[in-house]
């Protein structure tokens, strides 16, 4: 299972995106990924998957078939 933090904004404020990946065939990895997913969702982060045609689709529940999900914090403007 992997988790990768990627800076997504080159400005002064760095916004991170977390990518969580796992193997569907490994129940331990899948369980760990689900726990991480839920941890970030409870903190208010937004989760999305990238489709085969390169579209971002927001997801609200963990689904092991994805094998990779991206999470980004909600950014407040003002």
C-alpha atoms as a PDB file:
ATOM      1  CA  UNK A   1       0.000   0.000   0.000  1.00  0.00           C
ATOM      2  CA  UNK A   2       1.269   3.451  -0.764  1.00  0.00           C
ATOM      3  CA  UNK A   3       0.565   6.955   0.374  1.00  0.00           C
ATOM      4  CA  UNK A   4       2.064   9.897  -1.411  1.00  0.00           C
ATOM      5  CA  UNK A   5       1.793  13.611  -0.640  1.00  0.00           C
ATOM      6  CA  UNK A   6       1.966  15.842  -3.693  1.00  0.00           C
ATOM      7  CA  UNK A   7       2.196  19.657  -3.534  1.00  0.00           C
ATOM      8  CA  UNK A   8      -0.500  20.930  -5.892  1.00  0.00           C
ATOM      9  CA  UNK A   9      -0.080  24.677  -5.649  1.00  0.00           C
ATOM     10  CA  UNK A  10       3.244  26.383  -6.370  1.00  0.00           C
ATOM     11  CA  UNK A  11       2.154  29.573  -4.580  1.00  0.00           C
ATOM     12  CA  UNK A  12       3.200  30.612  -1.074  1.00  0.00           C
ATOM     13  CA  UNK A  13       0.572  28.365   0.513  1.00  0.00           C
ATOM     14  CA  UNK A  14       1.292  24.755  -0.290  1.00  0.00           C
ATOM     15  CA  UNK A  15      -1.800  22.631  -0.730  1.00  0.00           C
ATOM     16  CA  UNK A  16      -1.179  18.918  -0.453  1.00  0.00           C
ATOM     17  CA  UNK A  17      -2.918  16.109  -2.225  1.00  0.00           C
ATOM     18  CA  UNK A  18      -2.677  12.639  -0.722  1.00  0.00           C
ATOM     19  CA  UNK A  19      -2.791   9.556  -2.915  1.00  0.00           C
ATOM     20  CA  UNK A  20      -3.619   6.243  -1.259  1.00  0.00           C
ATOM     21  CA  UNK A  21      -3.149   3.048  -3.251  1.00  0.00           C
ATOM     22  CA  UNK A  22      -3.643  -0.624  -2.374  1.00  0.00           C
ATOM     23  CA  UNK A  23      -4.040  -4.089  -3.854  1.00  0.00           C
ATOM     24  CA  UNK A  24      -7.587  -5.454  -3.942  1.00  0.00           C
ATOM     25  CA  UNK A  25      -6.219  -8.948  -3.416  1.00  0.00           C
ATOM     26  CA  UNK A  26      -4.593  -7.990  -0.110  1.00  0.00           C
ATOM     27  CA  UNK A  27      -7.243  -7.624   2.640  1.00  0.00           C
ATOM     28  CA  UNK A  28      -4.724  -6.081   5.056  1.00  0.00           C
ATOM     29  CA  UNK A  29      -3.775  -3.329   2.579  1.00  0.00           C
ATOM     30  CA  UNK A  30      -7.416  -2.744   1.715  1.00  0.00           C
ATOM     31  CA  UNK A  31      -8.371  -2.411   5.385  1.00  0.00           C
ATOM     32  CA  UNK A  32      -5.515  -0.029   6.084  1.00  0.00           C
ATOM     33  CA  UNK A  33      -6.403   2.086   3.039  1.00  0.00           C
ATOM     34  CA  UNK A  34     -10.038   2.267   4.152  1.00  0.00           C
ATOM     35  CA  UNK A  35      -8.993   3.485   7.617  1.00  0.00           C
ATOM     36  CA  UNK A  36      -6.803   6.209   6.096  1.00  0.00           C
ATOM     37  CA  UNK A  37      -9.558   7.184   3.671  1.00  0.00           C
ATOM     38  CA  UNK A  38     -12.090   7.534   6.498  1.00  0.00           C
ATOM     39  CA  UNK A  39      -9.609   9.497   8.639  1.00  0.00           C
ATOM     40  CA  UNK A  40      -9.161  12.140   5.949  1.00  0.00           C
ATOM     41  CA  UNK A  41     -12.877  12.273   5.066  1.00  0.00           C
ATOM     42  CA  UNK A  42     -13.735  12.915   8.740  1.00  0.00           C
ATOM     43  CA  UNK A  43     -11.271  15.821   8.670  1.00  0.00           C
ATOM     44  CA  UNK A  44     -13.204  17.347   5.764  1.00  0.00           C
ATOM     45  CA  UNK A  45     -10.946  16.351   2.897  1.00  0.00           C
ATOM     46  CA  UNK A  46     -12.415  15.687  -0.573  1.00  0.00           C
ATOM     47  CA  UNK A  47     -11.808  12.288  -2.191  1.00  0.00           C
ATOM     48  CA  UNK A  48     -11.728  11.575  -5.899  1.00  0.00           C
ATOM     49  CA  UNK A  49     -10.665   8.946  -8.399  1.00  0.00           C
ATOM     50  CA  UNK A  50      -9.302   9.470 -11.890  1.00  0.00           C
ATOM     51  CA  UNK A  51     -11.192   7.565 -14.574  1.00  0.00           C
ATOM     52  CA  UNK A  52      -9.651   5.863 -17.599  1.00  0.00           C
ATOM     53  CA  UNK A  53     -10.624   8.890 -19.718  1.00  0.00           C
ATOM     54  CA  UNK A  54      -8.736  11.172 -17.267  1.00  0.00           C
ATOM     55  CA  UNK A  55     -11.770  12.696 -15.498  1.00  0.00           C
ATOM     56  CA  UNK A  56     -11.809  13.373 -11.754  1.00  0.00           C
ATOM     57  CA  UNK A  57     -14.868  11.864 -10.060  1.00  0.00           C
ATOM     58  CA  UNK A  58     -15.600  12.747  -6.428  1.00  0.00           C
ATOM     59  CA  UNK A  59     -16.268   9.766  -4.174  1.00  0.00           C
ATOM     60  CA  UNK A  60     -17.908   9.772  -0.771  1.00  0.00           C
ATOM     61  CA  UNK A  61     -17.352   6.175   0.354  1.00  0.00           C
ATOM     62  CA  UNK A  62     -14.376   3.865   0.237  1.00  0.00           C
ATOM     63  CA  UNK A  63     -14.621   1.262  -2.507  1.00  0.00           C
ATOM     64  CA  UNK A  64     -11.821  -1.337  -2.702  1.00  0.00           C
ATOM     65  CA  UNK A  65     -12.257  -1.747  -6.467  1.00  0.00           C
ATOM     66  CA  UNK A  66     -10.682   1.685  -7.084  1.00  0.00           C
ATOM     67  CA  UNK A  67      -7.208   0.576  -5.906  1.00  0.00           C
ATOM     68  CA  UNK A  68      -6.175   4.246  -5.817  1.00  0.00           C
ATOM     69  CA  UNK A  69      -7.883   7.344  -4.456  1.00  0.00           C
ATOM     70  CA  UNK A  70      -6.722  10.943  -4.219  1.00  0.00           C
ATOM     71  CA  UNK A  71      -7.619  13.219  -1.322  1.00  0.00           C
ATOM     72  CA  UNK A  72      -7.325  16.990  -1.099  1.00  0.00           C
ATOM     73  CA  UNK A  73      -8.078  19.324   1.796  1.00  0.00           C
ATOM     74  CA  UNK A  74     -10.969  21.740   1.555  1.00  0.00           C
ATOM     75  CA  UNK A  75      -9.538  25.217   1.040  1.00  0.00           C
ATOM     76  CA  UNK A  76     -11.344  28.214   2.488  1.00  0.00           C
ATOM     77  CA  UNK A  77     -11.283  31.515   0.675  1.00  0.00           C
ATOM     78  CA  UNK A  78     -11.801  34.912   2.063  1.00  0.00           C
END
